[in-house]
C-alpha atoms as a PDB file:
ATOM      1  CA  MET A   1     154.830 -24.321 -18.969  1.00  0.00           C
ATOM      2  CA  LYS A   2     158.213 -26.027 -19.607  1.00  0.00           C
ATOM      3  CA  LEU A   3     160.045 -24.304 -22.466  1.00  0.00           C
ATOM      4  CA  ASP A   4     161.392 -26.218 -25.345  1.00  0.00           C
ATOM      5  CA  LEU A   5     165.168 -26.360 -26.222  1.00  0.00           C
ATOM      6  CA  HIS A   6     164.872 -24.063 -29.055  1.00  0.00           C
ATOM      7  CA  TYR A   7     163.506 -21.312 -26.877  1.00  0.00           C
ATOM      8  CA  VAL A   8     166.297 -21.655 -24.215  1.00  0.00           C
ATOM      9  CA  ASP A   9     169.564 -22.847 -25.846  1.00  0.00           C
ATOM     10  CA  ALA A  10     171.566 -19.768 -26.681  1.00  0.00           C
ATOM     11  CA  ARG A  11     172.775 -21.105 -30.032  1.00  0.00           C
ATOM     12  CA  LEU A  12     169.300 -22.258 -31.216  1.00  0.00           C
ATOM     13  CA  VAL A  13     167.817 -18.890 -30.061  1.00  0.00           C
ATOM     14  CA  GLU A  14     170.618 -17.088 -32.386  1.00  0.00           C
ATOM     15  CA  LEU A  15     169.336 -19.288 -35.431  1.00  0.00           C
ATOM     16  CA  TYR A  16     165.828 -18.185 -34.808  1.00  0.00           C
ATOM     17  CA  ASP A  17     165.765 -15.096 -37.001  1.00  0.00           C
ATOM     18  CA  LEU A  18     168.067 -16.669 -39.596  1.00  0.00           C
ATOM     19  CA  GLU A  19     165.225 -19.508 -39.984  1.00  0.00           C
ATOM     20  CA  ASN A  20     162.275 -17.202 -39.783  1.00  0.00           C
ATOM     21  CA  LEU A  21     162.927 -14.451 -42.177  1.00  0.00           C
ATOM     22  CA  ARG A  22     160.614 -11.333 -42.349  1.00  0.00           C
ATOM     23  CA  GLY A  23     157.499 -12.197 -44.505  1.00  0.00           C
ATOM     24  CA  ALA A  24     153.915 -11.706 -45.456  1.00  0.00           C
ATOM     25  CA  ASP A  25     152.887 -12.264 -41.938  1.00  0.00           C
ATOM     26  CA  THR A  26     155.028  -9.421 -40.638  1.00  0.00           C
ATOM     27  CA  GLU A  27     153.414  -7.234 -43.165  1.00  0.00           C
ATOM     28  CA  PHE A  28     150.004  -8.284 -42.261  1.00  0.00           C
ATOM     29  CA  TYR A  29     150.363  -7.436 -38.566  1.00  0.00           C
ATOM     30  CA  ILE A  30     152.091  -4.108 -39.414  1.00  0.00           C
ATOM     31  CA  ARG A  31     149.200  -3.126 -41.843  1.00  0.00           C
ATOM     32  CA  LEU A  32     146.690  -4.229 -39.143  1.00  0.00           C
ATOM     33  CA  ALA A  33     148.060  -2.030 -36.484  1.00  0.00           C
ATOM     34  CA  GLY A  34     148.006   0.982 -38.848  1.00  0.00           C
ATOM     35  CA  GLU A  35     144.531   0.340 -40.015  1.00  0.00           C
ATOM     36  CA  LEU A  36     143.388   0.166 -36.327  1.00  0.00           C
ATOM     37  CA  ASN A  37     145.456   3.163 -35.354  1.00  0.00           C
ATOM     38  CA  ALA A  38     146.736   0.929 -32.568  1.00  0.00           C
ATOM     39  CA  GLN A  39     148.622   3.175 -30.047  1.00  0.00           C
ATOM     40  CA  LYS A  40     149.082   0.743 -27.169  1.00  0.00           C
ATOM     41  CA  ILE A  41     150.166  -2.763 -28.472  1.00  0.00           C
ATOM     42  CA  LEU A  42     151.036  -5.920 -26.574  1.00  0.00           C
ATOM     43  CA  ASP A  43     152.997  -8.697 -28.332  1.00  0.00           C
ATOM     44  CA  LEU A  44     152.401 -11.856 -26.521  1.00  0.00           C
ATOM     45  CA  GLY A  45     155.062 -14.546 -27.302  1.00  0.00           C
ATOM     46  CA  CYS A  46     157.253 -11.939 -28.857  1.00  0.00           C
ATOM     47  CA  GLY A  47     160.255 -14.189 -29.151  1.00  0.00           C
ATOM     48  CA  THR A  48     163.158 -12.416 -30.635  1.00  0.00           C
ATOM     49  CA  GLY A  49     161.197  -9.271 -31.133  1.00  0.00           C
ATOM     50  CA  SER A  50     161.581  -8.660 -34.789  1.00  0.00           C
ATOM     51  CA  LEU A  51     157.910  -7.643 -35.181  1.00  0.00           C
ATOM     52  CA  THR A  52     157.632  -6.062 -31.764  1.00  0.00           C
ATOM     53  CA  THR A  53     160.359  -3.523 -32.477  1.00  0.00           C
ATOM     54  CA  GLU A  54     158.867  -2.735 -36.030  1.00  0.00           C
ATOM     55  CA  LEU A  55     155.557  -1.835 -34.135  1.00  0.00           C
ATOM     56  CA  ALA A  56     157.364   0.481 -31.833  1.00  0.00           C
ATOM     57  CA  ILE A  57     157.273   3.557 -34.060  1.00  0.00           C
ATOM     58  CA  LEU A  58     155.477   6.882 -34.082  1.00  0.00           C
ATOM     59  CA  GLY A  59     155.203   7.233 -30.400  1.00  0.00           C
ATOM     60  CA  ARG A  60     153.361   3.851 -30.075  1.00  0.00           C
ATOM     61  CA  GLN A  61     153.469   2.244 -26.483  1.00  0.00           C
ATOM     62  CA  VAL A  62     154.565  -1.373 -27.221  1.00  0.00           C
ATOM     63  CA  VAL A  63     155.181  -4.175 -24.695  1.00  0.00           C
ATOM     64  CA  GLY A  64     156.773  -7.394 -25.689  1.00  0.00           C
ATOM     65  CA  VAL A  65     156.066 -10.505 -23.285  1.00  0.00           C
ATOM     66  CA  ASP A  66     157.844 -13.829 -23.569  1.00  0.00           C
ATOM     67  CA  PRO A  67     158.700 -16.585 -21.141  1.00  0.00           C
ATOM     68  CA  SER A  68     162.226 -17.088 -22.690  1.00  0.00           C
ATOM     69  CA  ALA A  69     165.052 -14.987 -21.211  1.00  0.00           C
ATOM     70  CA  ALA A  70     167.173 -16.105 -24.021  1.00  0.00           C
ATOM     71  CA  MET A  71     164.701 -14.776 -26.618  1.00  0.00           C
ATOM     72  CA  LEU A  72     164.329 -11.597 -24.871  1.00  0.00           C
ATOM     73  CA  SER A  73     168.053 -10.980 -24.637  1.00  0.00           C
ATOM     74  CA  VAL A  74     168.119 -11.278 -28.584  1.00  0.00           C
ATOM     75  CA  ALA A  75     165.104  -9.020 -28.803  1.00  0.00           C
ATOM     76  CA  LYS A  76     166.830  -6.386 -26.873  1.00  0.00           C
ATOM     77  CA  ARG A  77     169.577  -6.074 -29.550  1.00  0.00           C
ATOM     78  CA  HIS A  78     167.334  -5.088 -32.295  1.00  0.00           C
ATOM     79  CA  PRO A  79     167.014  -1.507 -33.547  1.00  0.00           C
ATOM     80  CA  ASN A  80     164.194   0.310 -31.697  1.00  0.00           C
ATOM     81  CA  ALA A  81     164.494  -2.108 -28.755  1.00  0.00           C
ATOM     82  CA  ALA A  82     164.756   0.684 -26.346  1.00  0.00           C
ATOM     83  CA  ARG A  83     161.381   1.855 -27.374  1.00  0.00           C
ATOM     84  CA  VAL A  84     159.710  -1.531 -26.170  1.00  0.00           C
ATOM     85  CA  GLU A  85     158.943  -2.493 -22.610  1.00  0.00           C
ATOM     86  CA  TRP A  86     160.098  -6.142 -22.343  1.00  0.00           C
ATOM     87  CA  ARG A  87     158.465  -8.443 -19.758  1.00  0.00           C
ATOM     88  CA  GLU A  88     159.713 -11.902 -19.070  1.00  0.00           C
ATOM     89  CA  GLY A  89     156.753 -14.197 -18.383  1.00  0.00           C
ATOM     90  CA  ASP A  90     153.367 -15.217 -19.653  1.00  0.00           C
ATOM     91  CA  SER A  91     149.978 -13.807 -20.354  1.00  0.00           C
ATOM     92  CA  SER A  92     149.423 -12.964 -16.549  1.00  0.00           C
ATOM     93  CA  LEU A  93     151.887  -9.980 -17.132  1.00  0.00           C
ATOM     94  CA  LEU A  94     149.822  -8.358 -19.840  1.00  0.00           C
ATOM     95  CA  GLY A  95     148.437  -5.914 -17.202  1.00  0.00           C
ATOM     96  CA  ALA A  96     145.193  -3.762 -16.955  1.00  0.00           C
ATOM     97  CA  PRO A  97     142.687  -3.200 -19.633  1.00  0.00           C
ATOM     98  CA  HIS A  98     144.276  -0.481 -21.881  1.00  0.00           C
ATOM     99  CA  ALA A  99     145.629  -2.186 -24.940  1.00  0.00           C
ATOM    100  CA  ASP A 100     144.318  -1.286 -28.425  1.00  0.00           C
ATOM    101  CA  LEU A 101     145.691  -4.523 -29.995  1.00  0.00           C
ATOM    102  CA  VAL A 102     147.188  -7.668 -28.748  1.00  0.00           C
ATOM    103  CA  VAL A 103     149.139  -9.869 -31.206  1.00  0.00           C
ATOM    104  CA  MET A 104     150.135 -13.481 -30.858  1.00  0.00           C
ATOM    105  CA  THR A 105     152.246 -14.562 -33.926  1.00  0.00           C
ATOM    106  CA  GLY A 106     154.350 -17.507 -34.805  1.00  0.00           C
ATOM    107  CA  ASN A 107     151.646 -19.941 -34.212  1.00  0.00           C
ATOM    108  CA  VAL A 108     151.941 -19.534 -30.507  1.00  0.00           C
ATOM    109  CA  ALA A 109     148.260 -20.497 -30.063  1.00  0.00           C
ATOM    110  CA  GLN A 110     149.388 -24.054 -30.928  1.00  0.00           C
ATOM    111  CA  VAL A 111     151.784 -24.375 -27.831  1.00  0.00           C
ATOM    112  CA  PHE A 112     148.746 -24.432 -25.523  1.00  0.00           C
ATOM    113  CA  LEU A 113     148.085 -28.022 -25.474  1.00  0.00           C
ATOM    114  CA  GLU A 114     145.360 -28.094 -22.863  1.00  0.00           C
ATOM    115  CA  ASP A 115     142.118 -26.164 -23.256  1.00  0.00           C
ATOM    116  CA  SER A 116     142.519 -24.681 -19.659  1.00  0.00           C
ATOM    117  CA  ASP A 117     145.715 -23.205 -20.725  1.00  0.00           C
ATOM    118  CA  LEU A 118     144.297 -21.525 -23.921  1.00  0.00           C
ATOM    119  CA  ASN A 119     141.295 -20.361 -22.109  1.00  0.00           C
ATOM    120  CA  ALA A 120     143.371 -18.752 -19.184  1.00  0.00           C
ATOM    121  CA  THR A 121     145.339 -16.997 -21.957  1.00  0.00           C
ATOM    122  CA  LEU A 122     142.412 -15.672 -23.779  1.00  0.00           C
ATOM    123  CA  GLN A 123     140.914 -14.415 -20.531  1.00  0.00           C
ATOM    124  CA  ASN A 124     144.241 -12.566 -19.606  1.00  0.00           C
ATOM    125  CA  ILE A 125     144.211 -11.056 -23.152  1.00  0.00           C
ATOM    126  CA  HIS A 126     140.626  -9.961 -22.762  1.00  0.00           C
ATOM    127  CA  ALA A 127     141.412  -8.312 -19.390  1.00  0.00           C
ATOM    128  CA  ALA A 128     144.308  -6.542 -20.979  1.00  0.00           C
ATOM    129  CA  LEU A 129     142.223  -5.019 -23.838  1.00  0.00           C
ATOM    130  CA  ARG A 130     140.267  -1.676 -23.609  1.00  0.00           C
ATOM    131  CA  PRO A 131     136.581  -2.384 -24.495  1.00  0.00           C
ATOM    132  CA  GLY A 132     136.475  -2.808 -28.201  1.00  0.00           C
ATOM    133  CA  GLY A 133     140.295  -3.668 -28.387  1.00  0.00           C
ATOM    134  CA  TYR A 134     141.383  -6.195 -30.886  1.00  0.00           C
ATOM    135  CA  LEU A 135     143.425  -9.579 -30.656  1.00  0.00           C
ATOM    136  CA  ALA A 136     145.085 -10.966 -33.804  1.00  0.00           C
ATOM    137  CA  PHE A 137     146.714 -14.323 -34.148  1.00  0.00           C
ATOM    138  CA  GLU A 138     147.255 -17.147 -36.414  1.00  0.00           C
ATOM    139  CA  SER A 139     147.184 -20.948 -36.267  1.00  0.00           C
ATOM    140  CA  ARG A 140     148.017 -23.529 -38.771  1.00  0.00           C
ATOM    141  CA  ASN A 141     144.958 -25.230 -40.514  1.00  0.00           C
ATOM    142  CA  PRO A 142     144.677 -28.890 -39.352  1.00  0.00           C
ATOM    143  CA  GLU A 143     142.896 -29.760 -42.719  1.00  0.00           C
ATOM    144  CA  PHE A 144     146.115 -29.050 -44.497  1.00  0.00           C
ATOM    145  CA  LYS A 145     148.120 -31.475 -42.508  1.00  0.00           C
ATOM    146  CA  GLU A 146     151.344 -29.584 -42.807  1.00  0.00           C
ATOM    147  CA  TRP A 147     153.175 -31.992 -40.460  1.00  0.00           C
ATOM    148  CA  GLU A 148     153.009 -34.485 -43.314  1.00  0.00           C
ATOM    149  CA  GLN A 149     155.588 -32.218 -45.103  1.00  0.00           C
ATOM    150  CA  TRP A 150     157.958 -31.930 -42.093  1.00  0.00           C
ATOM    151  CA  ASN A 151     160.788 -34.208 -43.132  1.00  0.00           C
ATOM    152  CA  ARG A 152     164.508 -33.922 -43.818  1.00  0.00           C
ATOM    153  CA  GLU A 153     164.194 -33.683 -47.544  1.00  0.00           C
ATOM    154  CA  ALA A 154     161.398 -31.025 -47.645  1.00  0.00           C
ATOM    155  CA  THR A 155     162.550 -28.887 -44.770  1.00  0.00           C
ATOM    156  CA  ARG A 156     166.353 -28.944 -45.043  1.00  0.00           C
ATOM    157  CA  ALA A 157     168.141 -25.521 -44.851  1.00  0.00           C
ATOM    158  CA  HIS A 158     171.798 -24.459 -44.770  1.00  0.00           C
ATOM    159  CA  LEU A 159     172.591 -21.487 -42.532  1.00  0.00           C
ATOM    160  CA  GLU A 160     175.594 -19.355 -41.833  1.00  0.00           C
ATOM    161  CA  SER A 161     175.523 -18.705 -38.098  1.00  0.00           C
ATOM    162  CA  PRO A 162     177.711 -17.101 -35.664  1.00  0.00           C
ATOM    163  CA  PHE A 163     178.780 -20.776 -34.808  1.00  0.00           C
ATOM    164  CA  GLY A 164     179.703 -21.569 -38.403  1.00  0.00           C
ATOM    165  CA  PRO A 165     177.721 -23.350 -40.877  1.00  0.00           C
ATOM    166  CA  VAL A 166     174.457 -25.238 -39.594  1.00  0.00           C
ATOM    167  CA  GLU A 167     172.266 -27.705 -41.357  1.00  0.00           C
ATOM    168  CA  CYS A 168     168.647 -27.527 -40.119  1.00  0.00           C
ATOM    169  CA  TRP A 169     165.639 -29.714 -40.728  1.00  0.00           C
ATOM    170  CA  LEU A 170     162.225 -30.494 -39.204  1.00  0.00           C
ATOM    171  CA  GLU A 171     160.328 -33.916 -38.665  1.00  0.00           C
ATOM    172  CA  GLY A 172     156.766 -34.219 -37.554  1.00  0.00           C
ATOM    173  CA  THR A 173     154.559 -36.994 -36.561  1.00  0.00           C
ATOM    174  CA  CYS A 174     150.826 -36.965 -35.749  1.00  0.00           C
ATOM    175  CA  LEU A 175     150.498 -38.540 -32.330  1.00  0.00           C
ATOM    176  CA  ARG A 176     146.836 -38.710 -31.927  1.00  0.00           C
ATOM    177  CA  GLY A 177     143.941 -36.537 -33.026  1.00  0.00           C
ATOM    178  CA  ASP A 178     145.042 -32.957 -33.043  1.00  0.00           C
ATOM    179  CA  ARG A 179     148.448 -33.431 -31.320  1.00  0.00           C
ATOM    180  CA  VAL A 180     151.649 -33.415 -33.457  1.00  0.00           C
ATOM    181  CA  TYR A 181     155.188 -34.211 -32.207  1.00  0.00           C
ATOM    182  CA  THR A 182     157.959 -32.358 -33.782  1.00  0.00           C
ATOM    183  CA  GLU A 183     161.766 -32.575 -33.664  1.00  0.00           C
ATOM    184  CA  GLY A 184     163.953 -29.880 -34.916  1.00  0.00           C
ATOM    185  CA  HIS A 185     167.488 -31.076 -35.987  1.00  0.00           C
ATOM    186  CA  ASN A 186     170.420 -28.839 -36.000  1.00  0.00           C
ATOM    187  CA  LEU A 187     173.730 -30.069 -37.128  1.00  0.00           C
ATOM    188  CA  PHE A 188     176.650 -27.693 -36.388  1.00  0.00           C
ATOM    189  CA  LYS A 189     179.175 -28.711 -39.247  1.00  0.00           C
ATOM    190  CA  GLU A 190     182.382 -27.462 -37.559  1.00  0.00           C
ATOM    191  CA  THR A 191     182.111 -29.535 -34.395  1.00  0.00           C
ATOM    192  CA  GLY A 192     179.564 -32.291 -35.655  1.00  0.00           C
ATOM    193  CA  GLU A 193     177.403 -31.631 -32.718  1.00  0.00           C
ATOM    194  CA  VAL A 194     173.573 -32.205 -33.392  1.00  0.00           C
ATOM    195  CA  LEU A 195     171.054 -30.478 -31.281  1.00  0.00           C
ATOM    196  CA  VAL A 196     167.575 -31.956 -31.331  1.00  0.00           C
ATOM    197  CA  SER A 197     164.742 -29.830 -29.910  1.00  0.00           C
ATOM    198  CA  SER A 198     161.524 -31.723 -29.561  1.00  0.00           C
ATOM    199  CA  SER A 199     158.065 -30.143 -28.801  1.00  0.00           C
ATOM    200  CA  GLU A 200     154.369 -30.764 -29.120  1.00  0.00           C
ATOM    201  CA  LEU A 201     151.752 -28.781 -30.918  1.00  0.00           C
ATOM    202  CA  ARG A 202     148.095 -28.892 -30.968  1.00  0.00           C
ATOM    203  CA  PHE A 203     146.129 -28.321 -34.269  1.00  0.00           C
ATOM    204  CA  ARG A 204     142.746 -26.962 -33.256  1.00  0.00           C
ATOM    205  CA  SER A 205     140.121 -26.382 -35.906  1.00  0.00           C
ATOM    206  CA  GLY A 206     138.664 -23.139 -36.855  1.00  0.00           C
ATOM    207  CA  ALA A 207     135.300 -23.979 -35.102  1.00  0.00           C
ATOM    208  CA  GLU A 208     137.212 -24.906 -31.852  1.00  0.00           C
ATOM    209  CA  LEU A 209     139.174 -21.710 -31.871  1.00  0.00           C
ATOM    210  CA  THR A 210     136.165 -19.699 -32.355  1.00  0.00           C
ATOM    211  CA  GLU A 211     134.266 -21.415 -29.670  1.00  0.00           C
ATOM    212  CA  SER A 212     137.219 -20.756 -27.220  1.00  0.00           C
ATOM    213  CA  LEU A 213     137.258 -17.049 -28.228  1.00  0.00           C
ATOM    214  CA  CYS A 214     133.474 -16.536 -27.858  1.00  0.00           C
ATOM    215  CA  ARG A 215     133.566 -18.181 -24.541  1.00  0.00           C
ATOM    216  CA  ALA A 216     136.397 -15.796 -23.426  1.00  0.00           C
ATOM    217  CA  GLY A 217     134.224 -12.766 -24.417  1.00  0.00           C
ATOM    218  CA  PHE A 218     135.514 -12.078 -27.983  1.00  0.00           C
ATOM    219  CA  ILE A 219     133.664 -11.292 -31.133  1.00  0.00           C
ATOM    220  CA  VAL A 220     135.295 -12.908 -34.230  1.00  0.00           C
ATOM    221  CA  GLN A 221     135.273 -10.290 -36.923  1.00  0.00           C
ATOM    222  CA  HIS A 222     137.483 -11.978 -39.704  1.00  0.00           C
ATOM    223  CA  VAL A 223     139.134 -15.439 -40.213  1.00  0.00           C
ATOM    224  CA  TYR A 224     141.446 -15.359 -43.174  1.00  0.00           C
ATOM    225  CA  GLY A 225     143.018 -18.441 -44.988  1.00  0.00           C
ATOM    226  CA  ASP A 226     146.193 -16.338 -46.125  1.00  0.00           C
ATOM    227  CA  TRP A 227     148.042 -13.096 -45.430  1.00  0.00           C
ATOM    228  CA  GLN A 228     146.267 -11.446 -48.353  1.00  0.00           C
ATOM    229  CA  LEU A 229     143.078 -11.727 -46.669  1.00  0.00           C
ATOM    230  CA  GLY A 230     141.655 -14.656 -48.749  1.00  0.00           C
ATOM    231  CA  PRO A 231     139.135 -16.938 -47.338  1.00  0.00           C
ATOM    232  CA  VAL A 232     139.739 -20.103 -45.444  1.00  0.00           C
ATOM    233  CA  VAL A 233     139.482 -23.129 -47.958  1.00  0.00           C
ATOM    234  CA  HIS A 234     140.367 -26.724 -47.588  1.00  0.00           C
ATOM    235  CA  ASN A 235     144.178 -26.306 -48.649  1.00  0.00           C
ATOM    236  CA  SER A 236     144.591 -23.097 -46.517  1.00  0.00           C
ATOM    237  CA  ARG A 237     147.855 -23.548 -44.700  1.00  0.00           C
ATOM    238  CA  VAL A 238     146.982 -21.061 -42.097  1.00  0.00           C
ATOM    239  CA  MET A 239     143.819 -19.455 -40.275  1.00  0.00           C
ATOM    240  CA  VAL A 240     144.324 -15.854 -39.263  1.00  0.00           C
ATOM    241  CA  PHE A 241     142.023 -14.490 -36.550  1.00  0.00           C
ATOM    242  CA  VAL A 242     140.975 -10.928 -36.102  1.00  0.00           C
ATOM    243  CA  VAL A 243     138.780 -10.491 -33.128  1.00  0.00           C
ATOM    244  CA  ARG A 244     137.469  -7.800 -30.849  1.00  0.00           C
ATOM    245  CA  ARG A 245     136.678  -7.575 -27.213  1.00  0.00           C
ATOM    246  CA  SER A 246     132.965  -7.210 -26.645  1.00  0.00           C
END
């Protein structure tokens, strides 16, 4: 899989944690790990490792997997980073069946554009979980059509970065069906340089994701419509899946 610019450019990677502050999603995954008493946790698509390092407490065995060397470089600077085993690559590196919990956050599920890629990833996750182990992840709800709000006015943010002040905004366009093309614009004000990172996301429905999960050998236990465990309704922004290996 070819990585988008915002995963590989050192300046954009440094902006990631500034743009994605700790929120209710992190609280959800931390709480879930505690409720499941998960001692062996795999974070697939761990990115800059903010959640990964928070999970690495109380003697837990935590592995962070990500295809971006630049992201992992930032992750290794976090507190508790030495408690995590970092692996550069994809789901094929998750390993043998031993994990209590696999998490896949940041809407990572949407980067798998082809069904074959998603199915292969789910199969690798299934193989890495112990019998009865859990997978938790989220994906944006296509019914909400969040991409319609991705424009400069609605998403503009001003950041103080290691490279000086930066103005960021996102623009999105529905290409066809469930495919959305996005452009992340980053204006570095001290130099006037603009970096544009383009990517494509797939907005699968809850029914489509459920079908893929069942085909891979998972039992869907919960699908929440928010981080406070509410139901999925038409205007839910997100679908949060908690599933178990059968």
